[in-house]
Amino acid sequence: MNRTARAFADRMAARRSVRHFSDEPVPLEVVEEAVRAAATAPSGANLQPWRFVVVTDADRRRRLREAAEAEEIEFYTRRASREWLDAVAPMGTDWQKPFLETAPVVIVVFEVHQGPQTPKPYYVKESVGIAVGVLITALHLSGLATLTHTPSPMRFLNEICDRPAEERACLVMPVGYPAEGVTVPELTRKSLSEVMVLR
């Protein structure tokens, strides 16, 4: 058990978010299996209030990028606080989102709320958050790079992804291989003693 737990923790410690993707196609079967794993996550009342829209069409990815960048320009130039801009500066993020078009797959994760065909869900954000964690883990262990992107507001994603009003986008995740020669910021993670309290 110790060996298994340590090996898993070590593999996850090597995970990094990538902002520069190769356009090399990825096996869709791998993405499907990762989504299948994510869909095993626990959820409030077992209602599984999630929808994973896997976008592979190049034109739709282009439209997604254009719409996201329009929102992001507004956010970065008018709505974002100085404190937030300073916090993300080391990661090199800005309003430009080419990865939404370059990555061969973009997964848009929707929360499913009550609608004509869907019951009232419980603990939606918690349930979807757990599922996304499983999805990121499954993709990483499969050898694919990811990035979690949260444009604000996100309503444009319903139109681009042809989703009904009761589905609310919460996350956009480009998936693929890192671009050749890509680097990631040298970030440090808190030590175990800083994040775990034993009582």
N, C-alpha and C. Protein backbone atom coordinates (compact mmCIF):
# COMPACT_ATOMS: atom_id res chain seq x y z
N MET A 1 0.82 -1.19 0.00
CA MET A 1 0.00 0.00 0.00
C MET A 1 0.86 1.26 0.00
N ASN A 2 1.89 1.25 0.81
CA ASN A 2 2.78 2.42 0.87
C ASN A 2 3.44 2.68 -0.48
N ARG A 3 3.91 1.60 -1.12
CA ARG A 3 4.57 1.77 -2.43
C ARG A 3 3.59 2.33 -3.45
N THR A 4 2.39 1.82 -3.47
CA THR A 4 1.38 2.30 -4.42
C THR A 4 1.05 3.77 -4.18
N ALA A 5 0.84 4.12 -2.92
CA ALA A 5 0.50 5.50 -2.59
C ALA A 5 1.64 6.45 -2.93
N ARG A 6 2.87 6.04 -2.63
CA ARG A 6 4.03 6.89 -2.92
C ARG A 6 4.23 7.05 -4.42
N ALA A 7 4.09 5.95 -5.17
CA ALA A 7 4.27 6.03 -6.63
C ALA A 7 3.23 6.94 -7.25
N PHE A 8 2.00 6.86 -6.78
CA PHE A 8 0.94 7.72 -7.31
C PHE A 8 1.22 9.18 -6.99
N ALA A 9 1.58 9.46 -5.75
CA ALA A 9 1.89 10.84 -5.34
C ALA A 9 3.06 11.40 -6.15
N ASP A 10 4.05 10.57 -6.39
CA ASP A 10 5.21 11.02 -7.18
C ASP A 10 4.81 11.35 -8.61
N ARG A 11 3.96 10.52 -9.20
CA ARG A 11 3.51 10.79 -10.58
C ARG A 11 2.69 12.06 -10.67
N MET A 12 1.86 12.28 -9.67
CA MET A 12 1.04 13.49 -9.68
C MET A 12 1.88 14.74 -9.38
N ALA A 13 2.94 14.58 -8.61
CA ALA A 13 3.82 15.72 -8.31
C ALA A 13 4.52 16.21 -9.57
N ALA A 14 4.62 15.34 -10.58
CA ALA A 14 5.26 15.73 -11.85
C ALA A 14 4.30 16.44 -12.79
N ARG A 15 3.01 16.49 -12.44
CA ARG A 15 2.03 17.14 -13.31
C ARG A 15 2.23 18.65 -13.30
N ARG A 16 2.14 19.25 -14.48
CA ARG A 16 2.20 20.70 -14.62
C ARG A 16 1.15 21.15 -15.63
N SER A 17 0.59 22.30 -15.40
CA SER A 17 -0.31 22.89 -16.39
C SER A 17 0.52 23.39 -17.55
N VAL A 18 0.02 23.19 -18.76
CA VAL A 18 0.74 23.58 -19.97
C VAL A 18 -0.08 24.62 -20.72
N ARG A 19 0.57 25.68 -21.19
CA ARG A 19 -0.15 26.73 -21.93
C ARG A 19 0.22 26.76 -23.42
N HIS A 20 1.14 25.89 -23.81
CA HIS A 20 1.55 25.82 -25.22
C HIS A 20 1.46 24.36 -25.67
N PHE A 21 0.53 24.12 -26.58
CA PHE A 21 0.24 22.76 -27.02
C PHE A 21 0.69 22.53 -28.46
N SER A 22 1.06 21.28 -28.73
CA SER A 22 1.26 20.82 -30.10
C SER A 22 -0.12 20.61 -30.72
N ASP A 23 -0.19 20.74 -32.05
CA ASP A 23 -1.46 20.44 -32.72
C ASP A 23 -1.55 18.97 -33.14
N GLU A 24 -0.59 18.17 -32.70
CA GLU A 24 -0.59 16.74 -33.02
C GLU A 24 -1.85 16.08 -32.47
N PRO A 25 -2.55 15.31 -33.29
CA PRO A 25 -3.77 14.65 -32.80
C PRO A 25 -3.48 13.70 -31.64
N VAL A 26 -4.45 13.55 -30.78
CA VAL A 26 -4.34 12.60 -29.67
C VAL A 26 -5.38 11.51 -29.86
N PRO A 27 -5.14 10.32 -29.32
CA PRO A 27 -6.13 9.24 -29.47
C PRO A 27 -7.43 9.60 -28.74
N LEU A 28 -8.51 9.69 -29.48
CA LEU A 28 -9.79 10.05 -28.88
C LEU A 28 -10.23 9.00 -27.86
N GLU A 29 -9.81 7.75 -28.08
CA GLU A 29 -10.18 6.70 -27.13
C GLU A 29 -9.61 6.98 -25.75
N VAL A 30 -8.42 7.57 -25.69
CA VAL A 30 -7.80 7.91 -24.40
C VAL A 30 -8.63 8.98 -23.69
N VAL A 31 -9.06 9.97 -24.45
CA VAL A 31 -9.90 11.03 -23.88
C VAL A 31 -11.22 10.45 -23.39
N GLU A 32 -11.80 9.57 -24.16
CA GLU A 32 -13.07 8.94 -23.77
C GLU A 32 -12.91 8.16 -22.47
N GLU A 33 -11.81 7.42 -22.34
CA GLU A 33 -11.58 6.65 -21.12
C GLU A 33 -11.37 7.57 -19.92
N ALA A 34 -10.71 8.70 -20.14
CA ALA A 34 -10.51 9.67 -19.06
C ALA A 34 -11.85 10.25 -18.61
N VAL A 35 -12.72 10.55 -19.56
CA VAL A 35 -14.06 11.05 -19.21
C VAL A 35 -14.85 9.95 -18.50
N ARG A 36 -14.69 8.72 -18.94
CA ARG A 36 -15.38 7.61 -18.28
C ARG A 36 -14.93 7.50 -16.83
N ALA A 37 -13.63 7.69 -16.59
CA ALA A 37 -13.12 7.68 -15.21
C ALA A 37 -13.70 8.83 -14.42
N ALA A 38 -13.74 10.02 -15.02
CA ALA A 38 -14.28 11.19 -14.33
C ALA A 38 -15.73 10.98 -13.93
N ALA A 39 -16.47 10.29 -14.77
CA ALA A 39 -17.89 10.07 -14.52
C ALA A 39 -18.14 9.07 -13.40
N THR A 40 -17.09 8.47 -12.85
CA THR A 40 -17.25 7.58 -11.69
C THR A 40 -17.17 8.35 -10.38
N ALA A 41 -16.94 9.66 -10.44
CA ALA A 41 -16.78 10.46 -9.23
C ALA A 41 -18.05 10.43 -8.38
N PRO A 42 -17.91 10.54 -7.06
CA PRO A 42 -19.10 10.63 -6.22
C PRO A 42 -19.84 11.93 -6.48
N SER A 43 -21.15 11.92 -6.30
CA SER A 43 -21.94 13.13 -6.52
C SER A 43 -23.13 13.14 -5.58
N GLY A 44 -23.65 14.34 -5.31
CA GLY A 44 -24.80 14.48 -4.42
C GLY A 44 -25.99 13.69 -4.93
N ALA A 45 -26.51 12.79 -4.08
CA ALA A 45 -27.65 11.93 -4.42
C ALA A 45 -27.39 11.09 -5.67
N ASN A 46 -26.14 10.92 -6.02
CA ASN A 46 -25.74 10.15 -7.20
C ASN A 46 -26.41 10.65 -8.48
N LEU A 47 -26.65 11.97 -8.57
CA LEU A 47 -27.31 12.52 -9.75
C LEU A 47 -26.34 12.86 -10.87
N GLN A 48 -25.05 12.80 -10.59
CA GLN A 48 -24.01 12.97 -11.61
C GLN A 48 -24.27 14.22 -12.47
N PRO A 49 -24.24 15.40 -11.85
CA PRO A 49 -24.66 16.63 -12.53
C PRO A 49 -23.57 17.25 -13.40
N TRP A 50 -23.06 16.48 -14.32
CA TRP A 50 -21.97 16.96 -15.17
C TRP A 50 -22.20 16.58 -16.62
N ARG A 51 -21.63 17.37 -17.48
CA ARG A 51 -21.61 17.09 -18.92
C ARG A 51 -20.23 17.47 -19.42
N PHE A 52 -19.58 16.56 -20.12
CA PHE A 52 -18.25 16.81 -20.67
C PHE A 52 -18.38 16.92 -22.19
N VAL A 53 -18.27 18.12 -22.71
CA VAL A 53 -18.38 18.33 -24.15
C VAL A 53 -16.98 18.31 -24.73
N VAL A 54 -16.68 17.30 -25.53
CA VAL A 54 -15.35 17.12 -26.12
C VAL A 54 -15.34 17.77 -27.50
N VAL A 55 -14.64 18.87 -27.61
CA VAL A 55 -14.62 19.65 -28.85
C VAL A 55 -13.36 19.31 -29.63
N THR A 56 -13.54 18.73 -30.82
CA THR A 56 -12.41 18.41 -31.68
C THR A 56 -12.47 19.16 -33.00
N ASP A 57 -13.64 19.66 -33.37
CA ASP A 57 -13.82 20.37 -34.63
C ASP A 57 -13.00 21.67 -34.64
N ALA A 58 -12.17 21.85 -35.66
CA ALA A 58 -11.26 23.00 -35.71
C ALA A 58 -12.00 24.33 -35.75
N ASP A 59 -13.09 24.39 -36.52
CA ASP A 59 -13.84 25.64 -36.60
C ASP A 59 -14.48 25.99 -35.27
N ARG A 60 -14.99 25.00 -34.58
CA ARG A 60 -15.61 25.26 -33.27
C ARG A 60 -14.56 25.69 -32.24
N ARG A 61 -13.36 25.10 -32.33
CA ARG A 61 -12.28 25.51 -31.41
C ARG A 61 -11.86 26.95 -31.70
N ARG A 62 -11.85 27.34 -32.99
CA ARG A 62 -11.51 28.71 -33.35
C ARG A 62 -12.55 29.68 -32.79
N ARG A 63 -13.82 29.35 -32.95
CA ARG A 63 -14.88 30.20 -32.41
C ARG A 63 -14.79 30.28 -30.89
N LEU A 64 -14.46 29.17 -30.26
CA LEU A 64 -14.32 29.15 -28.82
C LEU A 64 -13.20 30.11 -28.39
N ARG A 65 -12.06 30.04 -29.09
CA ARG A 65 -10.95 30.94 -28.76
C ARG A 65 -11.35 32.41 -28.93
N GLU A 66 -11.97 32.72 -30.06
CA GLU A 66 -12.34 34.12 -30.33
C GLU A 66 -13.28 34.66 -29.26
N ALA A 67 -14.27 33.86 -28.88
CA ALA A 67 -15.23 34.31 -27.88
C ALA A 67 -14.58 34.43 -26.51
N ALA A 68 -13.72 33.47 -26.17
CA ALA A 68 -13.04 33.52 -24.87
C ALA A 68 -12.11 34.73 -24.80
N GLU A 69 -11.38 35.00 -25.87
CA GLU A 69 -10.46 36.14 -25.85
C GLU A 69 -11.21 37.47 -25.75
N ALA A 70 -12.39 37.54 -26.34
CA ALA A 70 -13.18 38.77 -26.23
C ALA A 70 -13.55 39.02 -24.76
N GLU A 71 -13.92 37.97 -24.04
CA GLU A 71 -14.23 38.11 -22.62
C GLU A 71 -12.97 38.41 -21.81
N GLU A 72 -11.88 37.76 -22.17
CA GLU A 72 -10.65 37.90 -21.41
C GLU A 72 -10.03 39.30 -21.56
N ILE A 73 -10.12 39.89 -22.74
CA ILE A 73 -9.62 41.26 -22.92
C ILE A 73 -10.34 42.19 -21.96
N GLU A 74 -11.65 42.04 -21.89
CA GLU A 74 -12.45 42.87 -20.98
C GLU A 74 -12.03 42.63 -19.53
N PHE A 75 -11.82 41.36 -19.19
CA PHE A 75 -11.45 41.02 -17.82
C PHE A 75 -10.08 41.59 -17.46
N TYR A 76 -9.10 41.35 -18.30
CA TYR A 76 -7.73 41.77 -17.98
C TYR A 76 -7.56 43.29 -18.00
N THR A 77 -8.32 43.98 -18.83
CA THR A 77 -8.14 45.43 -18.94
C THR A 77 -9.07 46.23 -18.04
N ARG A 78 -10.19 45.64 -17.58
CA ARG A 78 -11.16 46.43 -16.82
C ARG A 78 -11.56 45.82 -15.48
N ARG A 79 -11.77 44.48 -15.44
CA ARG A 79 -12.38 43.90 -14.25
C ARG A 79 -11.41 43.29 -13.25
N ALA A 80 -10.26 42.82 -13.71
CA ALA A 80 -9.33 42.13 -12.82
C ALA A 80 -8.67 43.12 -11.85
N SER A 81 -8.54 42.69 -10.61
CA SER A 81 -7.87 43.55 -9.61
C SER A 81 -6.36 43.49 -9.81
N ARG A 82 -5.69 44.50 -9.35
CA ARG A 82 -4.22 44.53 -9.42
C ARG A 82 -3.64 43.35 -8.65
N GLU A 83 -4.27 43.04 -7.52
CA GLU A 83 -3.80 41.93 -6.69
C GLU A 83 -3.83 40.62 -7.46
N TRP A 84 -4.94 40.39 -8.19
CA TRP A 84 -5.06 39.15 -8.96
C TRP A 84 -4.05 39.12 -10.10
N LEU A 85 -3.90 40.23 -10.81
CA LEU A 85 -2.94 40.30 -11.91
C LEU A 85 -1.52 40.02 -11.42
N ASP A 86 -1.18 40.55 -10.26
CA ASP A 86 0.15 40.31 -9.69
C ASP A 86 0.32 38.84 -9.31
N ALA A 87 -0.76 38.22 -8.80
CA ALA A 87 -0.68 36.82 -8.37
C ALA A 87 -0.43 35.87 -9.54
N VAL A 88 -1.04 36.16 -10.71
CA VAL A 88 -0.89 35.24 -11.86
C VAL A 88 0.29 35.61 -12.77
N ALA A 89 0.92 36.75 -12.51
CA ALA A 89 2.03 37.19 -13.37
C ALA A 89 3.13 36.14 -13.52
N PRO A 90 3.55 35.44 -12.44
CA PRO A 90 4.61 34.44 -12.61
C PRO A 90 4.26 33.30 -13.56
N MET A 91 2.98 33.09 -13.80
CA MET A 91 2.54 32.00 -14.68
C MET A 91 2.48 32.41 -16.14
N GLY A 92 2.66 33.69 -16.39
CA GLY A 92 2.69 34.15 -17.77
C GLY A 92 1.35 34.12 -18.46
N THR A 93 0.28 34.25 -17.72
CA THR A 93 -1.05 34.20 -18.33
C THR A 93 -1.54 35.62 -18.64
N ASP A 94 -2.26 35.74 -19.74
CA ASP A 94 -2.85 37.03 -20.13
C ASP A 94 -4.13 36.75 -20.92
N TRP A 95 -4.65 37.73 -21.63
CA TRP A 95 -5.93 37.57 -22.32
C TRP A 95 -5.83 36.67 -23.55
N GLN A 96 -4.63 36.44 -24.05
CA GLN A 96 -4.49 35.63 -25.27
C GLN A 96 -4.58 34.14 -24.92
N LYS A 97 -5.42 33.41 -25.65
CA LYS A 97 -5.69 32.01 -25.37
C LYS A 97 -5.52 31.13 -26.61
N PRO A 98 -4.35 31.14 -27.24
CA PRO A 98 -4.16 30.34 -28.46
C PRO A 98 -4.32 28.84 -28.23
N PHE A 99 -4.10 28.40 -27.00
CA PHE A 99 -4.22 26.97 -26.71
C PHE A 99 -5.62 26.44 -26.97
N LEU A 100 -6.63 27.31 -26.95
CA LEU A 100 -7.99 26.86 -27.22
C LEU A 100 -8.19 26.44 -28.67
N GLU A 101 -7.31 26.93 -29.53
CA GLU A 101 -7.39 26.60 -30.95
C GLU A 101 -6.32 25.58 -31.34
N THR A 102 -5.16 25.65 -30.69
CA THR A 102 -4.04 24.78 -31.06
C THR A 102 -4.22 23.36 -30.53
N ALA A 103 -4.62 23.24 -29.28
CA ALA A 103 -4.80 21.90 -28.70
C ALA A 103 -5.82 21.13 -29.54
N PRO A 104 -5.55 19.87 -29.84
CA PRO A 104 -6.47 19.11 -30.71
C PRO A 104 -7.81 18.77 -30.07
N VAL A 105 -7.86 18.84 -28.74
CA VAL A 105 -9.09 18.54 -28.01
C VAL A 105 -9.29 19.62 -26.95
N VAL A 106 -10.50 20.10 -26.83
CA VAL A 106 -10.87 20.99 -25.73
C VAL A 106 -12.11 20.39 -25.07
N ILE A 107 -12.01 20.15 -23.77
CA ILE A 107 -13.16 19.62 -23.03
C ILE A 107 -13.79 20.78 -22.27
N VAL A 108 -15.07 21.02 -22.55
CA VAL A 108 -15.82 22.04 -21.82
C VAL A 108 -16.70 21.29 -20.81
N VAL A 109 -16.49 21.60 -19.54
CA VAL A 109 -17.22 20.92 -18.47
C VAL A 109 -18.40 21.79 -18.05
N PHE A 110 -19.58 21.20 -18.08
CA PHE A 110 -20.80 21.90 -17.68
C PHE A 110 -21.37 21.29 -16.41
N GLU A 111 -21.88 22.16 -15.53
CA GLU A 111 -22.72 21.71 -14.43
C GLU A 111 -24.13 21.54 -14.98
N VAL A 112 -24.79 20.47 -14.61
CA VAL A 112 -26.16 20.23 -15.06
C VAL A 112 -27.12 20.57 -13.93
N HIS A 113 -27.92 21.61 -14.14
CA HIS A 113 -28.90 22.05 -13.15
C HIS A 113 -30.29 21.56 -13.53
N GLN A 114 -31.28 21.89 -12.74
CA GLN A 114 -32.64 21.41 -13.01
C GLN A 114 -33.17 22.00 -14.31
N GLY A 115 -33.77 21.14 -15.12
CA GLY A 115 -34.33 21.56 -16.39
C GLY A 115 -35.47 20.64 -16.79
N PRO A 116 -35.98 20.79 -18.01
CA PRO A 116 -37.11 19.96 -18.44
C PRO A 116 -36.82 18.45 -18.39
N GLN A 117 -35.60 18.07 -18.63
CA GLN A 117 -35.25 16.65 -18.65
C GLN A 117 -34.31 16.25 -17.52
N THR A 118 -33.99 17.19 -16.63
CA THR A 118 -33.00 16.90 -15.58
C THR A 118 -33.57 17.27 -14.21
N PRO A 119 -33.38 16.40 -13.21
CA PRO A 119 -33.90 16.68 -11.87
C PRO A 119 -33.06 17.72 -11.14
N LYS A 120 -33.59 18.23 -10.04
CA LYS A 120 -32.83 19.15 -9.22
C LYS A 120 -31.63 18.42 -8.64
N PRO A 121 -30.41 18.93 -8.88
CA PRO A 121 -29.22 18.27 -8.35
C PRO A 121 -28.84 18.84 -6.98
N TYR A 122 -27.96 18.14 -6.30
CA TYR A 122 -27.49 18.58 -4.99
C TYR A 122 -25.97 18.61 -5.00
N TYR A 123 -25.41 19.61 -4.31
CA TYR A 123 -23.95 19.74 -4.22
C TYR A 123 -23.30 19.71 -5.61
N VAL A 124 -23.82 20.54 -6.48
CA VAL A 124 -23.37 20.52 -7.88
C VAL A 124 -21.90 20.88 -8.00
N LYS A 125 -21.51 22.01 -7.44
CA LYS A 125 -20.13 22.47 -7.58
C LYS A 125 -19.14 21.48 -6.97
N GLU A 126 -19.49 20.95 -5.81
CA GLU A 126 -18.62 19.96 -5.18
C GLU A 126 -18.49 18.71 -6.04
N SER A 127 -19.63 18.23 -6.55
CA SER A 127 -19.63 17.01 -7.35
C SER A 127 -18.82 17.18 -8.63
N VAL A 128 -19.06 18.29 -9.34
CA VAL A 128 -18.35 18.53 -10.59
C VAL A 128 -16.87 18.77 -10.32
N GLY A 129 -16.55 19.45 -9.21
CA GLY A 129 -15.15 19.67 -8.87
C GLY A 129 -14.39 18.37 -8.66
N ILE A 130 -15.03 17.42 -7.97
CA ILE A 130 -14.39 16.11 -7.77
C ILE A 130 -14.19 15.41 -9.11
N ALA A 131 -15.20 15.46 -9.97
CA ALA A 131 -15.10 14.80 -11.28
C ALA A 131 -13.98 15.41 -12.11
N VAL A 132 -13.83 16.73 -12.06
CA VAL A 132 -12.76 17.38 -12.82
C VAL A 132 -11.40 16.95 -12.28
N GLY A 133 -11.28 16.79 -10.97
CA GLY A 133 -10.02 16.31 -10.41
C GLY A 133 -9.67 14.93 -10.93
N VAL A 134 -10.66 14.06 -11.01
CA VAL A 134 -10.43 12.72 -11.56
C VAL A 134 -10.04 12.83 -13.04
N LEU A 135 -10.71 13.71 -13.77
CA LEU A 135 -10.41 13.88 -15.20
C LEU A 135 -8.97 14.34 -15.42
N ILE A 136 -8.54 15.34 -14.68
CA ILE A 136 -7.16 15.83 -14.80
C ILE A 136 -6.18 14.71 -14.49
N THR A 137 -6.46 13.95 -13.45
CA THR A 137 -5.58 12.85 -13.05
C THR A 137 -5.52 11.78 -14.14
N ALA A 138 -6.66 11.39 -14.67
CA ALA A 138 -6.70 10.35 -15.70
C ALA A 138 -5.94 10.79 -16.95
N LEU A 139 -6.11 12.03 -17.36
CA LEU A 139 -5.41 12.53 -18.55
C LEU A 139 -3.91 12.58 -18.31
N HIS A 140 -3.51 13.04 -17.14
CA HIS A 140 -2.07 13.10 -16.82
C HIS A 140 -1.45 11.71 -16.82
N LEU A 141 -2.11 10.76 -16.17
CA LEU A 141 -1.56 9.41 -16.11
C LEU A 141 -1.55 8.72 -17.47
N SER A 142 -2.36 9.23 -18.40
CA SER A 142 -2.38 8.71 -19.77
C SER A 142 -1.30 9.34 -20.64
N GLY A 143 -0.61 10.36 -20.13
CA GLY A 143 0.46 10.99 -20.88
C GLY A 143 0.04 12.25 -21.63
N LEU A 144 -1.12 12.80 -21.30
CA LEU A 144 -1.59 14.01 -21.97
C LEU A 144 -1.48 15.22 -21.04
N ALA A 145 -1.22 16.37 -21.62
CA ALA A 145 -1.12 17.61 -20.87
C ALA A 145 -2.47 18.31 -20.86
N THR A 146 -2.70 19.08 -19.80
CA THR A 146 -3.96 19.81 -19.66
C THR A 146 -3.70 21.20 -19.10
N LEU A 147 -4.76 21.99 -19.15
CA LEU A 147 -4.77 23.31 -18.53
C LEU A 147 -6.21 23.59 -18.13
N THR A 148 -6.42 24.14 -16.95
CA THR A 148 -7.78 24.54 -16.56
C THR A 148 -7.93 26.02 -16.84
N HIS A 149 -8.92 26.34 -17.66
CA HIS A 149 -9.17 27.72 -18.07
C HIS A 149 -10.60 28.08 -17.69
N THR A 150 -10.77 29.26 -17.09
CA THR A 150 -12.10 29.67 -16.62
C THR A 150 -12.42 31.07 -17.10
N PRO A 151 -12.82 31.23 -18.36
CA PRO A 151 -13.21 32.56 -18.84
C PRO A 151 -14.43 33.04 -18.06
N SER A 152 -14.56 34.33 -17.95
CA SER A 152 -15.69 34.88 -17.19
C SER A 152 -16.23 36.13 -17.88
N PRO A 153 -17.54 36.13 -18.15
CA PRO A 153 -18.54 35.08 -17.96
C PRO A 153 -18.41 33.98 -19.01
N MET A 154 -19.16 32.90 -18.81
CA MET A 154 -19.01 31.71 -19.67
C MET A 154 -20.24 31.38 -20.50
N ARG A 155 -21.26 32.19 -20.48
CA ARG A 155 -22.50 31.85 -21.17
C ARG A 155 -22.30 31.60 -22.67
N PHE A 156 -21.29 32.21 -23.28
CA PHE A 156 -21.05 32.00 -24.71
C PHE A 156 -20.79 30.53 -25.03
N LEU A 157 -20.36 29.76 -24.04
CA LEU A 157 -20.03 28.36 -24.27
C LEU A 157 -21.27 27.52 -24.56
N ASN A 158 -22.43 27.92 -24.02
CA ASN A 158 -23.66 27.18 -24.34
C ASN A 158 -23.95 27.21 -25.83
N GLU A 159 -23.81 28.38 -26.43
CA GLU A 159 -24.07 28.51 -27.86
C GLU A 159 -23.05 27.75 -28.69
N ILE A 160 -21.78 27.92 -28.37
CA ILE A 160 -20.73 27.27 -29.16
C ILE A 160 -20.82 25.75 -29.06
N CYS A 161 -21.20 25.25 -27.87
CA CYS A 161 -21.26 23.81 -27.65
C CYS A 161 -22.66 23.22 -27.82
N ASP A 162 -23.64 24.08 -28.23
CA ASP A 162 -25.01 23.62 -28.45
C ASP A 162 -25.60 22.94 -27.22
N ARG A 163 -25.50 23.63 -26.07
CA ARG A 163 -26.00 23.07 -24.83
C ARG A 163 -27.19 23.87 -24.32
N PRO A 164 -28.14 23.21 -23.64
CA PRO A 164 -29.34 23.90 -23.15
C PRO A 164 -29.03 24.81 -21.96
N ALA A 165 -29.99 25.67 -21.63
CA ALA A 165 -29.78 26.69 -20.60
C ALA A 165 -29.51 26.11 -19.22
N GLU A 166 -30.07 24.92 -18.93
CA GLU A 166 -29.85 24.35 -17.59
C GLU A 166 -28.43 23.82 -17.39
N GLU A 167 -27.66 23.77 -18.45
CA GLU A 167 -26.25 23.40 -18.32
C GLU A 167 -25.43 24.69 -18.25
N ARG A 168 -24.58 24.78 -17.23
CA ARG A 168 -23.78 25.98 -17.01
C ARG A 168 -22.31 25.62 -17.04
N ALA A 169 -21.59 26.23 -17.97
CA ALA A 169 -20.16 25.93 -18.10
C ALA A 169 -19.42 26.36 -16.85
N CYS A 170 -18.47 25.54 -16.43
CA CYS A 170 -17.66 25.89 -15.26
C CYS A 170 -16.17 25.80 -15.53
N LEU A 171 -15.78 25.16 -16.63
CA LEU A 171 -14.35 24.96 -16.88
C LEU A 171 -14.11 24.60 -18.34
N VAL A 172 -13.03 25.12 -18.88
CA VAL A 172 -12.60 24.78 -20.23
C VAL A 172 -11.20 24.17 -20.11
N MET A 173 -11.02 22.99 -20.71
CA MET A 173 -9.75 22.29 -20.55
C MET A 173 -9.16 21.85 -21.88
N PRO A 174 -8.16 22.58 -22.39
CA PRO A 174 -7.45 22.08 -23.57
C PRO A 174 -6.66 20.82 -23.19
N VAL A 175 -6.60 19.88 -24.12
CA VAL A 175 -5.94 18.60 -23.88
C VAL A 175 -5.08 18.27 -25.09
N GLY A 176 -3.85 17.83 -24.84
CA GLY A 176 -2.99 17.42 -25.95
C GLY A 176 -1.58 17.14 -25.47
N TYR A 177 -0.66 17.19 -26.41
CA TYR A 177 0.76 17.04 -26.08
C TYR A 177 1.37 18.43 -25.95
N PRO A 178 2.35 18.59 -25.04
CA PRO A 178 3.01 19.89 -24.96
C PRO A 178 3.72 20.22 -26.27
N ALA A 179 3.77 21.51 -26.61
CA ALA A 179 4.51 21.93 -27.80
C ALA A 179 5.99 21.60 -27.60
N GLU A 180 6.69 21.37 -28.70
CA GLU A 180 8.11 21.05 -28.63
C GLU A 180 8.87 22.20 -27.96
N GLY A 181 9.71 21.84 -27.00
CA GLY A 181 10.53 22.84 -26.33
C GLY A 181 9.79 23.69 -25.32
N VAL A 182 8.55 23.34 -25.02
CA VAL A 182 7.77 24.15 -24.08
C VAL A 182 8.39 24.11 -22.69
N THR A 183 8.30 25.23 -22.00
CA THR A 183 8.73 25.30 -20.60
C THR A 183 7.53 25.69 -19.75
N VAL A 184 7.62 25.39 -18.48
CA VAL A 184 6.56 25.78 -17.53
C VAL A 184 7.21 26.59 -16.43
N PRO A 185 6.45 27.47 -15.78
CA PRO A 185 7.02 28.26 -14.69
C PRO A 185 7.56 27.37 -13.58
N GLU A 186 8.62 27.80 -12.95
CA GLU A 186 9.21 27.04 -11.84
C GLU A 186 8.45 27.41 -10.57
N LEU A 187 7.42 26.65 -10.31
CA LEU A 187 6.58 26.91 -9.16
C LEU A 187 6.88 25.89 -8.06
N THR A 188 6.71 26.31 -6.83
CA THR A 188 6.89 25.37 -5.72
C THR A 188 5.53 25.08 -5.10
N ARG A 189 5.41 23.88 -4.60
CA ARG A 189 4.18 23.49 -3.93
C ARG A 189 4.43 23.45 -2.42
N LYS A 190 3.39 23.70 -1.67
CA LYS A 190 3.53 23.66 -0.22
C LYS A 190 3.92 22.26 0.22
N SER A 191 4.66 22.18 1.31
CA SER A 191 5.08 20.89 1.86
C SER A 191 3.89 20.20 2.51
N LEU A 192 4.03 18.90 2.73
CA LEU A 192 2.97 18.13 3.36
C LEU A 192 2.61 18.71 4.73
N SER A 193 3.62 19.17 5.46
CA SER A 193 3.35 19.71 6.80
C SER A 193 2.55 21.00 6.76
N GLU A 194 2.57 21.69 5.60
CA GLU A 194 1.80 22.92 5.47
C GLU A 194 0.34 22.68 5.07
N VAL A 195 0.06 21.53 4.46
CA VAL A 195 -1.29 21.30 3.96
C VAL A 195 -2.05 20.22 4.73
N MET A 196 -1.33 19.43 5.53
CA MET A 196 -1.97 18.33 6.26
C MET A 196 -1.83 18.57 7.75
N VAL A 197 -2.95 18.43 8.46
CA VAL A 197 -2.97 18.55 9.91
C VAL A 197 -3.42 17.22 10.49
N LEU A 198 -2.60 16.65 11.35
CA LEU A 198 -2.91 15.35 11.97
C LEU A 198 -3.35 15.59 13.41
N ARG A 199 -4.49 15.12 13.76
CA ARG A 199 -5.01 15.29 15.13
C ARG A 199 -5.33 13.97 15.77
